[in-house]
Amino acid sequence: MKAAAEHLTPVTLELGGKNPCYIDQSFSLESTVHRLVWGRFFNTGQCCASPDYVLCCKEVQEQLVPAIKQCLKRFYGEEPKESADYGRIVSDQHFHRLQQLLNAGQVAIGG
């Protein structure tokens, strides 16, 4: 920012943060899941507006998880790693960081 200010160069400042997604019981399953999966997997989730996590009641969760699995199959096929549309992690450091996240909960899809 300092270097940009010295030369009057416009910049965009991304502050980061978390992007929770709250889904209540009045949601439309198909459109919500489509938007959620698209937003999370766009550019391998490396977008400042990418949903980080979902907040919902147990009943909504029971509908969402299977619907997300189906949507992922529609987007990337039965074997996502073979899909040309599925984003890749290009840094070993970030790959290993993401692997560690798999130890911190219960994997519902993939892994």
Protein backbone atom coordinates (compact mmCIF):
# COMPACT_ATOMS: atom_id res chain seq x y z
CA MET A 1 0.00 0.00 0.00
CA LYS A 2 2.84 2.40 0.82
CA ALA A 3 4.55 1.84 -2.54
CA ALA A 4 1.24 2.25 -4.36
CA ALA A 5 0.47 5.47 -2.48
CA GLU A 6 3.85 6.97 -3.41
CA HIS A 7 3.02 6.54 -7.09
CA LEU A 8 -0.75 7.16 -6.83
CA THR A 9 -1.39 3.64 -8.09
CA PRO A 10 -4.88 2.29 -7.38
CA VAL A 11 -4.95 -1.04 -5.54
CA THR A 12 -7.53 -3.40 -4.11
CA LEU A 13 -7.04 -4.47 -0.53
CA GLU A 14 -8.39 -7.89 0.41
CA LEU A 15 -8.88 -8.18 4.12
CA GLY A 16 -9.68 -11.89 4.15
CA GLY A 17 -11.66 -13.32 7.00
CA LYS A 18 -14.24 -16.03 7.22
CA ASN A 19 -17.35 -16.46 5.10
CA PRO A 20 -19.96 -18.52 6.90
CA CYS A 21 -23.02 -19.62 5.00
CA TYR A 22 -26.23 -19.83 7.05
CA ILE A 23 -28.96 -22.04 5.62
CA ASP A 24 -32.34 -22.06 7.32
CA GLN A 25 -35.17 -24.54 6.85
CA SER A 26 -36.89 -22.53 4.10
CA PHE A 27 -34.10 -23.03 1.57
CA SER A 28 -34.40 -24.39 -1.98
CA LEU A 29 -32.23 -27.53 -1.94
CA GLU A 30 -31.15 -27.63 -5.59
CA SER A 31 -30.24 -23.97 -6.08
CA THR A 32 -28.64 -23.64 -2.63
CA VAL A 33 -26.41 -26.68 -3.12
CA HIS A 34 -25.46 -25.62 -6.65
CA ARG A 35 -24.44 -22.16 -5.47
CA LEU A 36 -22.66 -23.46 -2.39
CA VAL A 37 -20.59 -26.03 -4.32
CA TRP A 38 -19.81 -23.60 -7.13
CA GLY A 39 -18.70 -20.92 -4.66
CA ARG A 40 -16.56 -23.28 -2.61
CA PHE A 41 -14.83 -25.01 -5.52
CA PHE A 42 -14.41 -21.99 -7.81
CA ASN A 43 -10.65 -21.47 -8.28
CA THR A 44 -10.01 -24.33 -5.81
CA GLY A 45 -11.73 -22.34 -3.08
CA GLN A 46 -9.15 -19.57 -3.35
CA CYS A 47 -11.60 -16.73 -3.68
CA CYS A 48 -12.19 -14.13 -0.98
CA ALA A 49 -15.95 -14.72 -1.12
CA SER A 50 -15.72 -18.52 -1.02
CA PRO A 51 -17.95 -20.02 1.71
CA ASP A 52 -15.75 -21.41 4.50
CA TYR A 53 -18.36 -23.30 6.45
CA VAL A 54 -22.10 -23.89 6.69
CA LEU A 55 -24.27 -23.18 9.71
CA CYS A 56 -27.57 -25.05 9.75
CA CYS A 57 -29.78 -27.26 11.88
CA LYS A 58 -29.40 -31.05 11.87
CA GLU A 59 -32.43 -31.56 9.59
CA VAL A 60 -30.95 -29.24 6.94
CA GLN A 61 -27.55 -30.94 7.27
CA GLU A 62 -29.14 -34.33 6.61
CA GLN A 63 -30.50 -32.98 3.31
CA LEU A 64 -27.40 -30.98 2.34
CA VAL A 65 -24.66 -33.60 2.60
CA PRO A 66 -26.16 -36.11 0.13
CA ALA A 67 -27.18 -33.27 -2.21
CA ILE A 68 -23.65 -31.84 -2.13
CA LYS A 69 -22.25 -35.28 -2.99
CA GLN A 70 -24.57 -35.47 -6.00
CA CYS A 71 -23.72 -31.95 -7.11
CA LEU A 72 -19.99 -32.70 -6.92
CA LYS A 73 -20.55 -35.76 -9.12
CA ARG A 74 -22.44 -33.60 -11.64
CA PHE A 75 -19.66 -31.00 -11.65
CA TYR A 76 -16.62 -33.29 -11.65
CA GLY A 77 -17.77 -36.86 -12.37
CA GLU A 78 -17.22 -40.04 -10.37
CA GLU A 79 -13.44 -39.45 -10.22
CA PRO A 80 -12.83 -35.72 -9.63
CA LYS A 81 -9.05 -36.09 -9.88
CA GLU A 82 -9.55 -37.08 -13.54
CA SER A 83 -11.71 -34.03 -14.29
CA ALA A 84 -10.13 -31.20 -16.25
CA ASP A 85 -12.52 -28.84 -14.41
CA TYR A 86 -11.44 -29.82 -10.90
CA GLY A 87 -8.89 -27.36 -9.51
CA ARG A 88 -5.49 -28.48 -8.28
CA ILE A 89 -3.33 -27.44 -5.35
CA VAL A 90 -0.05 -26.41 -6.94
CA SER A 91 2.10 -25.96 -3.84
CA ASP A 92 3.39 -28.90 -1.77
CA GLN A 93 3.28 -26.68 1.31
CA HIS A 94 -0.42 -25.94 0.89
CA PHE A 95 -1.18 -29.55 -0.05
CA HIS A 96 0.34 -30.75 3.24
CA ARG A 97 -1.47 -28.00 5.16
CA LEU A 98 -4.76 -29.19 3.69
CA GLN A 99 -3.93 -32.82 4.49
CA GLN A 100 -3.61 -31.86 8.14
CA LEU A 101 -7.13 -30.42 8.09
CA LEU A 102 -8.44 -33.89 7.30
CA ASN A 103 -7.33 -35.00 10.78
CA ALA A 104 -9.45 -32.34 12.50
CA GLY A 105 -12.95 -33.70 11.99
CA GLN A 106 -15.08 -36.20 10.15
CA VAL A 107 -14.76 -36.26 6.38
CA ALA A 108 -18.21 -36.40 4.77
CA ILE A 109 -17.16 -36.28 1.12
CA GLY A 110 -13.86 -37.10 -0.52
CA GLY A 111 -10.73 -37.07 1.58
